[in-house]
Amino acid sequence: MSTGSGSIGTYDYIIVGAGSAGCVLANRLTASGRHKVLLLEAGGRDLNPWIHIPIGYAKTFRNPRVNWMYETEPEPELNGRRIYQPRGKVLGGTSSINGLLYIRGQQEDFDLWRQLGNAGWSYADVLPYFKRAEDQQRGEDRLHGVGGPLAVSDQRETHPLCDAFINAGVEQGLPVNHDFNGDHQEGVGYFQTTSRNGRRCSTAVGYLNPARSRDNLHIETHAHVTRVQVDNGTAVGVEFTRNGTAISARASGEVILCGGAINSPQLLELSGIGNADILNDLGIPVVSHLPGVGENLQDHLQVRMVLRSKQPVTLNDATRSLLGKVKLGLEYALFRTGPLTVSAGYAAAFFKTDPSLVSPDIQVHFILFSSDKMGDQLHPFSGFTASICQLRPESRGTIHAVSADPFDAPSINVNYLTQEVDRLANINGLKKLRSILHADAMKPFLAEEMDPGAGVQSDDELLQFCRTVGTTVYHPVGTCSMGTGSNAVVTPELKVRGIAGLRVADGSIMPRLVSGNTNAPIVMIGEKASDLILADAQ
């Protein structure tokens, strides 16, 4: 770790952001021993014990020591509410604080990327990278891999309430699906998680820890990158601050941005790369006019239904007393089982709101606790939650720097529900979820629908419910979109258009949001990016 000002030397590759993709690249680019790599992370080490306990995401949700704690501008279609946007600020990035769910997305998602002009990004192209990353508990087959850095596991144990939800989905016409990352996504079943033996497997654990001892990898934590240095159209290094000290580093090969959909476009703009009109308004000298930077923002909206249980089998019940909390802790410490091993979704459903659709457009997260909002104290009653998430929203937003000060949070405008198709999908998604929750299989458990409640029935009432309680599922992407058109920020090789020696490899490069949770696809992006970079180094 550096302690003084000035330059800390020259590296073949400088990776900005030690998150879901950055840790992958740090591992893969140093594996041969031939390349000297600098990994920069604005946060600290992943020492907080709650990071490594699966249910600990509830403890890191609003912890500024490991979380950027962003929020949107007032959202016009969500009653002017600001929507909290947590992002990991720690080794492992958001993979250290997320809900651990392992969902790749639909095969059609990646085939669409290819159809949009991104050669090398079809499902057949990216499947080998998903498999290479994976250490699948169930073993290897044509769609899954073993021996990779990222542990993928079944839930530690089943639960009667989840079983009832699965049976209710079957009553409502859904097939049981044991693998949402298999040939077909539609159905109902248990999630798999990025964990091993009841412990979180972030990319810091899976990828970075095995590479830490390599002499050719240098890691700087608490290193807030403020600018990419560009000389005559080539990225030649970065500037960052650590403990208030300004430091620079040179890159003889490439600078690779892995800051995510919020930080990567902001850093490009701070470096003079973006829409010239925006940069001029901020007083930032224009290095390259690239109007797509910060545009094309997409995110998944979540609308949560809260139910009261007839039986005291929820996490609300287990944590109501000190004795209950001690019991949970002992069960986890001794056996690595119990509610502390549960991810941010226990059971899942994927379904279509319109039978004419080729694939599901709604995902359901079913979880054994309830609260007024994520991160809040659990309800005093026996409660559980089921939420809908529209998988392919058509609403688009923006992320842009608000000043030339790198410590000012950017302006985030997601523009949820601004498209009619999104409003209809959420209304119909709630109707379908409600039919599942009120099916016969749920009757032994369902005491009352608390939110939205029996009084909310019409389409207008359901839409107003979405506007009142809707929030993010924490999947922002698309703001440095990959493509070949004039609004694309990076090429299919992830090179920033118009700037040599600069790439982006994180969720911001997705041209379209995937149909599911985003961590697994971002790990895949890091894997594929490493091959693209090393191929150019030959």
Protein backbone atom coordinates (compact mmCIF):
# COMPACT_ATOMS: atom_id res chain seq x y z
CA MET A 1 0.00 0.00 0.00
CA SER A 2 1.30 3.45 -0.87
CA THR A 3 1.74 6.09 1.80
CA GLY A 4 3.05 9.15 -0.04
CA SER A 5 2.13 11.44 -2.90
CA GLY A 6 3.36 11.35 -6.46
CA SER A 7 3.52 8.32 -8.73
CA ILE A 8 3.45 4.69 -7.61
CA GLY A 9 4.95 3.48 -10.85
CA THR A 10 3.97 1.88 -14.12
CA TYR A 11 1.83 -1.20 -14.64
CA ASP A 12 0.81 -3.19 -17.66
CA TYR A 13 -2.84 -2.95 -16.61
CA ILE A 14 -4.66 -0.70 -14.18
CA ILE A 15 -8.07 -1.96 -13.05
CA VAL A 16 -10.39 0.65 -11.53
CA GLY A 17 -12.83 -1.03 -9.15
CA ALA A 18 -12.40 -4.33 -7.28
CA GLY A 19 -15.98 -5.44 -7.73
CA SER A 20 -17.76 -8.28 -9.48
CA ALA A 21 -15.76 -7.90 -12.69
CA GLY A 22 -12.65 -6.16 -11.34
CA CYS A 23 -11.66 -9.06 -9.08
CA VAL A 24 -12.14 -11.48 -11.98
CA LEU A 25 -9.75 -9.43 -14.13
CA ALA A 26 -7.21 -9.07 -11.33
CA ASN A 27 -7.06 -12.85 -11.10
CA ARG A 28 -7.04 -13.69 -14.80
CA LEU A 29 -4.60 -10.96 -15.93
CA THR A 30 -2.02 -11.94 -13.32
CA ALA A 31 -2.32 -15.72 -13.68
CA SER A 32 0.53 -16.12 -16.18
CA GLY A 33 2.92 -14.01 -14.13
CA ARG A 34 3.87 -11.98 -17.20
CA HIS A 35 1.73 -8.91 -16.57
CA LYS A 36 2.02 -6.39 -13.76
CA VAL A 37 -1.43 -5.31 -12.56
CA LEU A 38 -2.64 -2.54 -10.27
CA LEU A 39 -6.10 -2.98 -8.73
CA LEU A 40 -7.68 0.15 -7.26
CA GLU A 41 -10.67 0.06 -4.91
CA ALA A 42 -12.33 3.10 -3.32
CA GLY A 43 -13.49 1.05 -0.34
CA GLY A 44 -11.57 -1.07 2.14
CA ARG A 45 -10.96 -4.77 2.71
CA ASP A 46 -13.89 -7.16 3.18
CA LEU A 47 -13.28 -7.61 6.91
CA ASN A 48 -16.81 -6.91 8.14
CA PRO A 49 -18.05 -10.34 9.30
CA TRP A 50 -21.57 -9.62 8.07
CA ILE A 51 -20.23 -9.60 4.50
CA HIS A 52 -19.52 -13.31 4.73
CA ILE A 53 -22.76 -14.40 6.42
CA PRO A 54 -25.45 -14.68 3.73
CA ILE A 55 -28.24 -12.91 5.63
CA GLY A 56 -25.69 -10.19 6.41
CA TYR A 57 -26.75 -8.22 3.35
CA ALA A 58 -29.41 -6.74 5.62
CA LYS A 59 -26.62 -5.39 7.86
CA THR A 60 -24.53 -3.91 5.03
CA PHE A 61 -27.52 -2.44 3.20
CA ARG A 62 -27.03 1.03 4.70
CA ASN A 63 -23.48 0.82 6.02
CA PRO A 64 -21.40 3.66 4.52
CA ARG A 65 -18.17 1.82 5.31
CA VAL A 66 -18.95 -0.75 2.62
CA ASN A 67 -21.64 0.96 0.56
CA TRP A 68 -21.77 4.00 -1.73
CA MET A 69 -25.39 4.56 -0.61
CA TYR A 70 -26.51 6.34 -3.74
CA GLU A 71 -30.05 7.50 -4.40
CA THR A 72 -31.91 8.61 -7.50
CA GLU A 73 -33.34 11.99 -8.26
CA PRO A 74 -37.08 12.23 -7.54
CA GLU A 75 -38.72 9.63 -9.79
CA PRO A 76 -41.69 11.22 -11.63
CA GLU A 77 -43.70 7.99 -11.98
CA LEU A 78 -43.01 6.86 -8.40
CA ASN A 79 -44.77 9.77 -6.72
CA GLY A 80 -41.60 11.86 -6.79
CA ARG A 81 -39.78 9.51 -4.41
CA ARG A 82 -36.00 9.17 -4.36
CA ILE A 83 -35.05 5.51 -4.69
CA TYR A 84 -32.13 4.24 -2.65
CA GLN A 85 -29.40 2.64 -4.79
CA PRO A 86 -26.88 0.65 -2.69
CA ARG A 87 -23.59 -0.24 -4.39
CA GLY A 88 -20.63 -2.07 -2.90
CA LYS A 89 -17.68 0.06 -1.77
CA VAL A 90 -15.38 -2.71 -0.57
CA LEU A 91 -13.24 -5.49 -2.04
CA GLY A 92 -15.70 -7.61 -3.98
CA GLY A 93 -17.86 -4.58 -4.72
CA THR A 94 -21.56 -5.31 -4.83
CA SER A 95 -20.83 -9.06 -4.85
CA SER A 96 -19.85 -8.54 -1.19
CA ILE A 97 -23.17 -6.97 -0.19
CA ASN A 98 -25.73 -8.35 -2.66
CA GLY A 99 -28.41 -10.99 -2.11
CA LEU A 100 -26.22 -13.89 -3.41
CA LEU A 101 -28.70 -15.04 -6.06
CA TYR A 102 -27.19 -16.88 -9.01
CA ILE A 103 -29.27 -16.13 -12.10
CA ARG A 104 -27.62 -15.77 -15.50
CA GLY A 105 -30.58 -14.46 -17.47
CA GLN A 106 -32.34 -16.00 -20.43
CA GLN A 107 -30.48 -17.40 -23.42
CA GLU A 108 -32.50 -15.00 -25.57
CA ASP A 109 -30.96 -12.01 -23.73
CA PHE A 110 -27.49 -12.71 -25.07
CA ASP A 111 -28.72 -13.65 -28.53
CA LEU A 112 -30.33 -10.20 -28.60
CA TRP A 113 -26.99 -8.61 -27.70
CA ARG A 114 -25.55 -10.33 -30.75
CA GLN A 115 -28.44 -9.24 -32.93
CA LEU A 116 -27.75 -5.65 -31.89
CA GLY A 117 -24.35 -5.95 -33.58
CA ASN A 118 -22.20 -7.28 -30.74
CA ALA A 119 -20.26 -10.10 -32.35
CA GLY A 120 -19.02 -12.64 -29.82
CA TRP A 121 -21.79 -12.05 -27.27
CA SER A 122 -24.47 -14.56 -28.25
CA TYR A 123 -25.50 -17.19 -25.71
CA ALA A 124 -23.31 -19.78 -27.42
CA ASP A 125 -20.40 -17.33 -27.18
CA VAL A 126 -20.80 -16.48 -23.49
CA LEU A 127 -21.79 -19.91 -22.14
CA PRO A 128 -18.14 -21.08 -21.91
CA TYR A 129 -17.40 -18.09 -19.66
CA PHE A 130 -20.33 -18.83 -17.36
CA LYS A 131 -19.06 -22.39 -17.10
CA ARG A 132 -15.44 -21.34 -16.56
CA ALA A 133 -16.45 -19.11 -13.66
CA GLU A 134 -18.63 -21.70 -11.96
CA ASP A 135 -18.04 -24.29 -9.27
CA GLN A 136 -21.46 -25.89 -9.43
CA GLN A 137 -22.42 -27.95 -6.38
CA ARG A 138 -24.55 -30.27 -8.54
CA GLY A 139 -21.65 -31.16 -10.81
CA GLU A 140 -20.68 -30.52 -14.41
CA ASP A 141 -22.94 -30.85 -17.44
CA ARG A 142 -23.28 -29.16 -20.82
CA LEU A 143 -24.54 -25.92 -19.20
CA HIS A 144 -22.60 -25.87 -15.92
CA GLY A 145 -19.00 -26.03 -14.80
CA VAL A 146 -17.04 -27.20 -11.79
CA GLY A 147 -13.71 -26.06 -10.42
CA GLY A 148 -14.23 -22.38 -11.20
CA PRO A 149 -13.67 -19.59 -8.65
CA LEU A 150 -17.36 -18.77 -8.11
CA ALA A 151 -19.16 -21.24 -5.84
CA VAL A 152 -22.78 -21.93 -6.84
CA SER A 153 -24.82 -23.89 -4.30
CA ASP A 154 -28.31 -25.06 -3.51
CA GLN A 155 -30.10 -23.60 -0.51
CA ARG A 156 -28.81 -25.25 2.66
CA GLU A 157 -32.26 -26.61 3.48
CA THR A 158 -35.81 -26.46 2.23
CA HIS A 159 -38.60 -24.72 4.12
CA PRO A 160 -42.31 -25.61 4.42
CA LEU A 161 -43.43 -22.10 3.51
CA CYS A 162 -41.27 -22.14 0.36
CA ASP A 163 -42.56 -25.62 -0.48
CA ALA A 164 -46.11 -24.30 -0.18
CA PHE A 165 -45.28 -21.40 -2.51
CA ILE A 166 -43.80 -23.81 -5.06
CA ASN A 167 -46.87 -26.05 -4.88
CA ALA A 168 -49.09 -22.99 -5.27
CA GLY A 169 -47.21 -22.01 -8.41
CA VAL A 170 -47.82 -25.48 -9.81
CA GLU A 171 -51.54 -25.09 -9.01
CA GLN A 172 -51.51 -21.91 -11.09
CA GLY A 173 -49.99 -23.64 -14.09
CA LEU A 174 -46.25 -23.17 -13.61
CA PRO A 175 -43.86 -26.10 -13.99
CA VAL A 176 -41.41 -26.96 -11.24
CA ASN A 177 -38.00 -25.73 -12.35
CA HIS A 178 -34.92 -27.10 -10.61
CA ASP A 179 -32.50 -24.99 -12.68
CA PHE A 180 -33.40 -21.43 -13.64
CA ASN A 181 -30.09 -21.32 -15.53
CA GLY A 182 -30.95 -24.35 -17.62
CA ASP A 183 -32.61 -24.64 -21.00
CA HIS A 184 -35.74 -22.82 -19.83
CA GLN A 185 -36.27 -20.20 -17.16
CA GLU A 186 -40.05 -20.44 -16.71
CA GLY A 187 -41.28 -22.16 -13.58
CA VAL A 188 -41.12 -22.17 -9.81
CA GLY A 189 -38.49 -23.56 -7.45
CA TYR A 190 -35.59 -22.73 -5.15
CA PHE A 191 -32.87 -20.23 -6.00
CA GLN A 192 -29.22 -21.22 -6.14
CA THR A 193 -26.73 -18.90 -4.46
CA THR A 194 -23.13 -17.77 -4.73
CA SER A 195 -22.11 -19.43 -1.49
CA ARG A 196 -20.19 -22.41 -0.20
CA ASN A 197 -20.96 -24.23 3.05
CA GLY A 198 -23.12 -21.39 4.30
CA ARG A 199 -20.59 -18.64 3.53
CA ARG A 200 -20.81 -15.95 0.84
CA CYS A 201 -18.56 -16.46 -2.17
CA SER A 202 -18.00 -12.91 -3.42
CA THR A 203 -15.53 -12.29 -6.23
CA ALA A 204 -13.12 -11.06 -3.56
CA VAL A 205 -13.32 -14.50 -1.93
CA GLY A 206 -13.47 -16.57 -5.11
CA TYR A 207 -11.13 -14.67 -7.42
CA LEU A 208 -9.06 -12.13 -5.52
CA ASN A 209 -8.00 -14.10 -2.46
CA PRO A 210 -6.26 -16.84 -4.51
CA ALA A 211 -4.35 -14.16 -6.42
CA ARG A 212 -3.28 -12.00 -3.47
CA SER A 213 0.11 -13.65 -3.05
CA ARG A 214 1.18 -13.04 -6.65
CA ASP A 215 4.10 -10.64 -6.89
CA ASN A 216 2.67 -9.10 -10.08
CA LEU A 217 -0.58 -7.97 -8.42
CA HIS A 218 -0.64 -4.73 -6.42
CA ILE A 219 -3.86 -3.82 -4.59
CA GLU A 220 -4.67 -0.32 -3.35
CA THR A 221 -7.71 0.05 -1.10
CA HIS A 222 -9.28 3.37 -0.11
CA ALA A 223 -8.11 4.58 -3.52
CA HIS A 224 -10.75 6.87 -5.03
CA VAL A 225 -9.92 7.30 -8.72
CA THR A 226 -10.56 10.88 -9.83
CA ARG A 227 -9.49 10.86 -13.47
CA VAL A 228 -8.20 8.74 -16.30
CA GLN A 229 -5.14 10.40 -17.82
CA VAL A 230 -5.42 10.63 -21.61
CA ASP A 231 -2.49 11.73 -23.78
CA ASN A 232 -3.06 12.29 -27.51
CA GLY A 233 -6.09 10.01 -27.57
CA THR A 234 -4.52 7.22 -25.48
CA ALA A 235 -5.23 6.35 -21.85
CA VAL A 236 -1.84 6.40 -20.13
CA GLY A 237 -2.75 6.18 -16.45
CA VAL A 238 -5.02 7.30 -13.63
CA GLU A 239 -5.07 9.74 -10.77
CA PHE A 240 -6.51 8.79 -7.40
CA THR A 241 -6.60 9.96 -3.81
CA ARG A 242 -5.82 7.90 -0.77
CA ASN A 243 -6.15 9.32 2.73
CA GLY A 244 -6.34 12.78 1.21
CA THR A 245 -3.14 12.34 -0.80
CA ALA A 246 -3.11 12.71 -4.58
CA ILE A 247 -1.38 9.79 -6.31
CA SER A 248 -0.91 8.80 -9.93
CA ALA A 249 -0.10 5.55 -11.69
CA ARG A 250 0.92 4.90 -15.30
CA ALA A 251 -0.32 2.18 -17.60
CA SER A 252 1.91 0.85 -20.34
CA GLY A 253 -0.88 -1.41 -21.60
CA GLU A 254 -4.47 -0.54 -20.71
CA VAL A 255 -6.71 1.12 -18.16
CA ILE A 256 -9.84 -0.96 -17.48
CA LEU A 257 -12.85 0.59 -15.77
CA CYS A 258 -14.82 -1.81 -13.56
CA GLY A 259 -16.65 0.72 -11.44
CA GLY A 260 -20.13 -0.40 -12.39
CA ALA A 261 -23.09 1.28 -14.05
CA ILE A 262 -22.97 4.29 -11.72
CA ASN A 263 -19.27 4.97 -11.23
CA SER A 264 -17.85 4.10 -14.67
CA PRO A 265 -19.81 6.70 -16.67
CA GLN A 266 -19.14 9.33 -14.02
CA LEU A 267 -15.40 8.65 -14.19
CA LEU A 268 -15.43 8.86 -17.98
CA GLU A 269 -17.11 12.27 -17.77
CA LEU A 270 -14.68 13.47 -15.08
CA SER A 271 -11.93 12.45 -17.51
CA GLY A 272 -13.41 14.53 -20.33
CA ILE A 273 -15.02 11.62 -22.18
CA GLY A 274 -18.74 12.05 -22.78
CA ASN A 275 -21.33 14.37 -24.23
CA ALA A 276 -19.52 17.61 -24.99
CA ASP A 277 -22.53 19.74 -24.03
CA ILE A 278 -22.69 18.15 -20.57
CA LEU A 279 -18.94 18.42 -20.07
CA ASN A 280 -18.88 22.07 -21.11
CA ASP A 281 -21.68 22.86 -18.65
CA LEU A 282 -19.61 21.25 -15.89
CA GLY A 283 -16.44 23.05 -16.86
CA ILE A 284 -14.65 19.81 -17.74
CA PRO A 285 -12.31 20.04 -20.76
CA VAL A 286 -13.57 17.80 -23.56
CA VAL A 287 -11.16 15.01 -24.45
CA SER A 288 -13.59 13.00 -26.57
CA HIS A 289 -17.20 13.72 -27.54
CA LEU A 290 -18.98 10.44 -26.78
CA PRO A 291 -22.69 11.24 -26.33
CA GLY A 292 -23.74 7.76 -25.16
CA VAL A 293 -21.83 8.01 -21.86
CA GLY A 294 -24.34 7.92 -19.01
CA GLU A 295 -27.31 7.19 -21.26
CA ASN A 296 -29.33 3.96 -21.68
CA LEU A 297 -29.69 3.35 -17.93
CA GLN A 298 -31.92 0.36 -17.18
CA ASP A 299 -32.88 -1.17 -13.86
CA HIS A 300 -35.33 -3.68 -12.46
CA LEU A 301 -38.22 -2.29 -10.44
CA GLN A 302 -39.38 -4.37 -7.48
CA VAL A 303 -42.92 -4.27 -6.08
CA ARG A 304 -43.27 -6.16 -2.80
CA MET A 305 -46.35 -7.86 -1.41
CA VAL A 306 -46.35 -8.45 2.36
CA LEU A 307 -48.29 -11.37 3.84
CA ARG A 308 -49.07 -12.38 7.42
CA SER A 309 -48.51 -16.04 8.25
CA LYS A 310 -50.84 -18.27 10.26
CA GLN A 311 -47.86 -20.23 11.52
CA PRO A 312 -44.83 -18.79 13.39
CA VAL A 313 -42.28 -20.11 10.89
CA THR A 314 -40.83 -16.84 9.56
CA LEU A 315 -37.62 -15.00 10.32
CA ASN A 316 -39.78 -12.34 12.00
CA ASP A 317 -40.68 -14.97 14.59
CA ALA A 318 -37.16 -16.35 14.97
CA THR A 319 -35.67 -12.91 15.72
CA ARG A 320 -38.41 -11.59 17.99
CA SER A 321 -36.63 -12.53 21.23
CA LEU A 322 -33.07 -12.51 22.47
CA LEU A 323 -33.26 -16.26 22.97
CA GLY A 324 -34.38 -16.69 19.37
CA LYS A 325 -31.47 -14.62 18.10
CA VAL A 326 -29.00 -16.63 20.19
CA LYS A 327 -30.45 -19.85 18.81
CA LEU A 328 -30.03 -18.59 15.24
CA GLY A 329 -26.44 -17.61 15.93
CA LEU A 330 -25.57 -20.95 17.49
CA GLU A 331 -27.20 -22.92 14.67
CA TYR A 332 -25.17 -20.97 12.13
CA ALA A 333 -21.91 -21.12 14.10
CA LEU A 334 -22.16 -24.86 14.78
CA PHE A 335 -23.79 -26.21 11.63
CA ARG A 336 -23.83 -23.40 9.02
CA THR A 337 -27.58 -23.91 8.68
CA GLY A 338 -30.70 -21.94 9.55
CA PRO A 339 -32.05 -18.54 8.52
CA LEU A 340 -28.63 -16.86 8.59
CA THR A 341 -27.73 -18.83 5.44
CA VAL A 342 -30.69 -17.49 3.47
CA SER A 343 -30.18 -15.31 0.40
CA ALA A 344 -32.30 -12.32 -0.67
CA GLY A 345 -34.69 -14.74 -2.32
CA TYR A 346 -35.37 -18.23 -1.06
CA ALA A 347 -37.83 -19.53 -3.62
CA ALA A 348 -38.47 -18.06 -7.06
CA ALA A 349 -40.96 -17.97 -9.88
CA PHE A 350 -40.56 -16.86 -13.47
CA PHE A 351 -43.74 -16.43 -15.50
CA LYS A 352 -45.31 -14.68 -18.47
CA THR A 353 -47.96 -12.00 -18.08
CA ASP A 354 -48.98 -12.63 -21.69
CA PRO A 355 -49.08 -16.17 -23.14
CA SER A 356 -47.91 -14.83 -26.51
CA LEU A 357 -44.51 -13.95 -25.02
CA VAL A 358 -41.60 -16.21 -25.95
CA SER A 359 -40.15 -16.20 -22.43
CA PRO A 360 -41.04 -14.99 -18.91
CA ASP A 361 -41.26 -11.26 -18.31
CA ILE A 362 -41.71 -11.42 -14.51
CA GLN A 363 -39.46 -12.76 -11.75
CA VAL A 364 -40.71 -13.38 -8.21
CA HIS A 365 -38.49 -13.27 -5.13
CA PHE A 366 -40.05 -15.15 -2.21
CA ILE A 367 -38.48 -14.57 1.20
CA LEU A 368 -39.31 -15.59 4.78
CA PHE A 369 -39.41 -12.18 6.45
CA SER A 370 -41.20 -8.87 6.07
CA SER A 371 -40.53 -5.21 6.79
CA ASP A 372 -41.82 -1.85 5.63
CA LYS A 373 -38.81 -1.55 3.35
CA MET A 374 -35.50 -3.30 2.79
CA GLY A 375 -33.07 -2.73 5.64
CA ASP A 376 -35.79 -1.75 8.13
CA GLN A 377 -36.66 -3.57 11.34
CA LEU A 378 -38.72 -6.70 10.76
CA HIS A 379 -42.45 -6.55 11.42
CA PRO A 380 -43.68 -7.65 14.87
CA PHE A 381 -46.05 -10.19 13.30
CA SER A 382 -45.33 -13.47 11.51
CA GLY A 383 -44.64 -12.14 8.04
CA PHE A 384 -43.22 -13.06 4.66
CA THR A 385 -42.68 -11.23 1.38
CA ALA A 386 -43.14 -11.96 -2.30
CA SER A 387 -42.14 -9.38 -4.89
CA ILE A 388 -42.48 -9.01 -8.62
CA CYS A 389 -39.73 -7.75 -10.90
CA GLN A 390 -40.38 -6.91 -14.55
CA LEU A 391 -37.48 -8.52 -16.37
CA ARG A 392 -37.16 -6.41 -19.52
CA PRO A 393 -38.31 -2.84 -18.80
CA GLU A 394 -38.48 -0.43 -21.70
CA SER A 395 -38.06 2.69 -19.57
CA ARG A 396 -34.64 4.31 -19.93
CA GLY A 397 -32.74 6.71 -17.72
CA THR A 398 -29.42 8.50 -17.29
CA ILE A 399 -26.46 8.85 -14.94
CA HIS A 400 -24.30 11.96 -15.20
CA ALA A 401 -21.72 13.82 -13.15
CA VAL A 402 -23.12 16.91 -11.45
CA SER A 403 -19.81 18.75 -11.18
CA ALA A 404 -16.10 18.43 -11.82
CA ASP A 405 -15.67 17.32 -8.21
CA PRO A 406 -15.08 13.54 -8.19
CA PHE A 407 -16.48 13.30 -4.67
CA ASP A 408 -19.91 14.61 -5.66
CA ALA A 409 -22.35 11.75 -6.22
CA PRO A 410 -23.69 11.65 -9.78
CA SER A 411 -27.26 12.42 -10.74
CA ILE A 412 -29.25 9.20 -11.25
CA ASN A 413 -32.55 9.27 -13.15
CA VAL A 414 -33.88 5.77 -13.78
CA ASN A 415 -37.33 6.91 -15.02
CA TYR A 416 -39.12 3.80 -13.75
CA LEU A 417 -42.60 3.13 -15.23
CA THR A 418 -42.37 5.84 -17.87
CA GLN A 419 -43.37 3.34 -20.57
CA GLU A 420 -46.87 1.89 -20.81
CA VAL A 421 -45.59 -1.65 -21.37
CA ASP A 422 -43.79 -1.44 -18.03
CA ARG A 423 -46.91 -0.26 -16.22
CA LEU A 424 -49.01 -3.07 -17.70
CA ALA A 425 -46.39 -5.72 -16.89
CA ASN A 426 -46.31 -4.69 -13.25
CA ILE A 427 -50.10 -4.61 -12.94
CA ASN A 428 -50.48 -8.03 -14.52
CA GLY A 429 -47.50 -9.38 -12.62
CA LEU A 430 -49.14 -8.45 -9.32
CA LYS A 431 -52.36 -10.14 -10.41
CA LYS A 432 -50.56 -13.36 -11.25
CA LEU A 433 -48.50 -13.33 -8.05
CA ARG A 434 -51.63 -12.70 -6.03
CA SER A 435 -53.30 -15.75 -7.63
CA ILE A 436 -50.32 -17.88 -6.56
CA LEU A 437 -50.28 -16.55 -3.01
CA HIS A 438 -54.00 -17.21 -2.60
CA ALA A 439 -53.92 -20.72 -4.11
CA ASP A 440 -54.98 -23.71 -2.02
CA ALA A 441 -51.41 -24.78 -1.25
CA MET A 442 -50.81 -21.50 0.61
CA LYS A 443 -53.97 -21.69 2.76
CA PRO A 444 -52.27 -23.42 5.73
CA PHE A 445 -49.93 -20.41 5.97
CA LEU A 446 -51.70 -17.35 4.56
CA ALA A 447 -53.54 -15.43 7.29
CA GLU A 448 -53.85 -12.07 5.52
CA GLU A 449 -52.52 -10.08 2.61
CA MET A 450 -51.20 -6.95 4.32
CA ASP A 451 -49.89 -5.09 1.26
CA PRO A 452 -51.46 -4.14 -1.03
CA GLY A 453 -54.43 -5.66 0.81
CA ALA A 454 -57.85 -6.86 -0.27
CA GLY A 455 -59.06 -3.31 -0.90
CA VAL A 456 -56.66 -2.85 -3.82
CA GLN A 457 -58.15 -4.58 -6.85
CA SER A 458 -58.51 -2.40 -9.95
CA ASP A 459 -55.72 -1.78 -12.44
CA ASP A 460 -55.55 1.87 -11.37
CA GLU A 461 -55.28 0.87 -7.72
CA LEU A 462 -52.57 -1.69 -8.44
CA LEU A 463 -50.62 0.85 -10.50
CA GLN A 464 -50.86 3.37 -7.67
CA PHE A 465 -49.55 0.69 -5.32
CA CYS A 466 -46.56 0.19 -7.64
CA ARG A 467 -45.92 3.93 -7.63
CA THR A 468 -46.18 4.12 -3.84
CA VAL A 469 -43.99 1.17 -2.82
CA GLY A 470 -41.97 0.26 -5.94
CA THR A 471 -38.22 0.28 -5.50
CA THR A 472 -35.12 -1.11 -7.17
CA VAL A 473 -33.88 -4.72 -7.16
CA TYR A 474 -30.39 -3.18 -7.45
CA HIS A 475 -29.60 -4.06 -11.07
CA PRO A 476 -28.53 -0.82 -12.83
CA VAL A 477 -26.83 -1.43 -16.19
CA GLY A 478 -26.31 0.00 -19.64
CA THR A 479 -24.67 3.39 -19.09
CA CYS A 480 -21.51 2.60 -21.13
CA SER A 481 -23.40 0.50 -23.62
CA MET A 482 -21.66 -1.91 -25.97
CA GLY A 483 -22.49 -1.67 -29.66
CA THR A 484 -21.64 -0.42 -33.11
CA GLY A 485 -24.01 2.56 -33.41
CA SER A 486 -23.37 6.23 -32.75
CA ASN A 487 -24.64 6.03 -29.15
CA ALA A 488 -22.46 3.06 -28.22
CA VAL A 489 -19.73 3.82 -25.69
CA VAL A 490 -17.65 0.67 -26.10
CA THR A 491 -17.08 -1.69 -29.00
CA PRO A 492 -17.88 -5.42 -28.76
CA GLU A 493 -14.25 -5.76 -27.64
CA LEU A 494 -15.16 -3.41 -24.73
CA LYS A 495 -12.81 -0.69 -26.01
CA VAL A 496 -13.94 2.88 -25.39
CA ARG A 497 -14.66 4.38 -28.78
CA GLY A 498 -12.13 7.01 -29.82
CA ILE A 499 -9.70 6.37 -26.94
CA ALA A 500 -6.88 3.84 -27.23
CA GLY A 501 -5.81 1.78 -24.23
CA LEU A 502 -9.12 2.19 -22.38
CA ARG A 503 -11.84 -0.41 -21.82
CA VAL A 504 -14.92 -0.78 -19.66
CA ALA A 505 -15.79 -4.21 -18.26
CA ASP A 506 -18.77 -4.20 -15.89
CA GLY A 507 -22.57 -4.08 -15.97
CA SER A 508 -22.54 -0.69 -17.66
CA ILE A 509 -21.62 -2.30 -21.00
CA MET A 510 -24.87 -4.30 -21.25
CA PRO A 511 -26.85 -2.99 -24.22
CA ARG A 512 -30.00 -4.54 -22.74
CA LEU A 513 -30.75 -5.59 -19.18
CA VAL A 514 -30.67 -9.35 -18.65
CA SER A 515 -33.78 -11.20 -17.50
CA GLY A 516 -32.72 -11.81 -13.91
CA ASN A 517 -30.16 -10.88 -11.29
CA THR A 518 -27.03 -9.25 -12.68
CA ASN A 519 -24.08 -10.54 -10.64
CA ALA A 520 -23.52 -13.77 -12.61
CA PRO A 521 -23.58 -11.98 -16.00
CA ILE A 522 -21.13 -9.35 -14.72
CA VAL A 523 -18.75 -12.07 -13.58
CA MET A 524 -19.09 -13.53 -17.08
CA ILE A 525 -18.26 -10.12 -18.56
CA GLY A 526 -15.09 -10.03 -16.46
CA GLU A 527 -14.13 -13.51 -17.67
CA LYS A 528 -14.68 -12.67 -21.32
CA ALA A 529 -12.95 -9.30 -20.96
CA SER A 530 -9.83 -11.02 -19.65
CA ASP A 531 -9.61 -13.12 -22.82
CA LEU A 532 -10.17 -10.06 -25.03
CA ILE A 533 -7.40 -8.16 -23.24
CA LEU A 534 -4.92 -11.01 -23.20
CA ALA A 535 -5.56 -11.71 -26.90
CA ASP A 536 -4.46 -8.15 -27.71
CA ALA A 537 -1.36 -8.59 -25.54
CA GLN A 538 -0.04 -11.45 -27.69
